[in-house]
Amino acid sequence: MKLKIEVTAEHIREGTPSDTSSCAVALAIKQALPKVYEVEVDDMISFKDEEGYRNTAELSDEVKKFMDRFDNNEPVEPISFETDAYTREP
């Protein structure tokens, strides 16, 4: 599954630094994929789909740098990215 994620100024404003389920990137994923749950973002993206299957996706170095800056309360600008999610067993 190809994920197209757009982290907006609102996600940045509303996100919680260092919170894997409420950071700016997690909020953007929840908006882009409203039917998924248990969204967590750290070194990779992880979420469960509608059928309860765990999906994971890699993050680019650019997104990881964005997250590091966000988590350290440094200024960040909106960002968009694409990645592929892989399904694992429930």
Protein backbone atom coordinates (compact mmCIF):
# COMPACT_ATOMS: atom_id res chain seq x y z
CA MET A 1 0.00 0.00 0.00
CA LYS A 2 1.43 3.38 -1.01
CA LEU A 3 1.05 6.05 1.68
CA LYS A 4 0.94 9.73 0.72
CA ILE A 5 1.27 11.81 3.86
CA GLU A 6 1.08 15.59 4.14
CA VAL A 7 2.10 17.10 7.47
CA THR A 8 0.43 20.52 7.62
CA ALA A 9 0.97 23.57 9.80
CA GLU A 10 -2.09 22.46 11.79
CA HIS A 11 -0.53 19.04 12.49
CA ILE A 12 2.63 20.79 13.65
CA ARG A 13 0.66 23.16 15.87
CA GLU A 14 -1.58 20.43 17.35
CA GLY A 15 1.04 17.67 17.59
CA THR A 16 2.77 16.64 20.80
CA PRO A 17 6.57 16.38 20.61
CA SER A 18 8.04 13.00 21.60
CA ASP A 19 4.60 11.34 21.65
CA THR A 20 4.62 8.46 19.16
CA SER A 21 0.82 8.48 18.76
CA SER A 22 0.19 12.24 18.80
CA CYS A 23 3.20 13.80 17.07
CA ALA A 24 2.69 15.87 13.92
CA VAL A 25 3.43 12.90 11.63
CA ALA A 26 1.03 10.60 13.53
CA LEU A 27 -1.75 13.21 13.27
CA ALA A 28 -1.13 13.50 9.52
CA ILE A 29 -1.35 9.71 9.11
CA LYS A 30 -4.59 9.59 11.08
CA GLN A 31 -6.05 12.27 8.80
CA ALA A 32 -4.83 10.59 5.60
CA LEU A 33 -6.00 7.13 6.74
CA PRO A 34 -9.05 7.72 8.96
CA LYS A 35 -9.95 4.02 9.24
CA VAL A 36 -6.65 2.92 10.79
CA TYR A 37 -5.91 2.81 14.51
CA GLU A 38 -3.03 2.29 16.95
CA VAL A 39 -0.91 4.68 14.89
CA GLU A 40 2.64 5.03 16.21
CA VAL A 41 5.60 6.80 14.69
CA ASP A 42 9.18 6.43 15.89
CA ASP A 43 11.93 5.08 13.62
CA MET A 44 9.14 3.76 11.40
CA ILE A 45 5.37 4.04 10.99
CA SER A 46 3.15 1.39 12.53
CA PHE A 47 -0.65 1.10 12.48
CA LYS A 48 -3.48 -1.42 12.37
CA ASP A 49 -5.83 -1.46 9.41
CA GLU A 50 -9.60 -2.03 9.44
CA GLU A 51 -9.11 -5.80 9.57
CA GLY A 52 -6.74 -5.64 12.54
CA TYR A 53 -3.57 -6.32 10.58
CA ARG A 54 -0.42 -4.51 11.69
CA ASN A 55 1.15 -2.43 8.92
CA THR A 56 4.59 -0.88 8.97
CA ALA A 57 6.36 1.62 6.75
CA GLU A 58 9.88 2.99 6.59
CA LEU A 59 10.65 6.68 7.03
CA SER A 60 13.14 8.58 4.91
CA ASP A 61 16.07 10.38 6.50
CA GLU A 62 14.35 13.67 5.64
CA VAL A 63 11.25 12.72 7.66
CA LYS A 64 13.38 11.43 10.54
CA LYS A 65 15.20 14.79 10.64
CA PHE A 66 11.84 16.59 10.65
CA MET A 67 10.72 14.43 13.58
CA ASP A 68 13.95 15.03 15.52
CA ARG A 69 13.56 18.78 15.11
CA PHE A 70 9.87 18.60 16.07
CA ASP A 71 10.60 16.45 19.12
CA ASN A 72 13.27 18.93 20.24
CA ASN A 73 10.83 21.87 19.89
CA GLU A 74 12.83 23.32 17.02
CA PRO A 75 11.03 25.17 14.22
CA VAL A 76 9.78 22.93 11.40
CA GLU A 77 7.93 23.58 8.17
CA PRO A 78 5.13 21.45 6.67
CA ILE A 79 6.39 18.40 4.80
CA SER A 80 4.90 15.78 2.50
CA PHE A 81 6.23 12.33 1.74
CA GLU A 82 5.37 8.96 0.26
CA THR A 83 6.28 5.53 1.56
CA ASP A 84 5.17 1.93 1.14
CA ALA A 85 3.36 0.14 3.98
CA TYR A 86 3.79 -3.58 4.47
CA THR A 87 1.16 -5.75 6.15
CA ARG A 88 2.04 -8.26 8.84
CA GLU A 89 -0.14 -10.71 10.73
CA PRO A 90 -2.64 -9.40 13.32
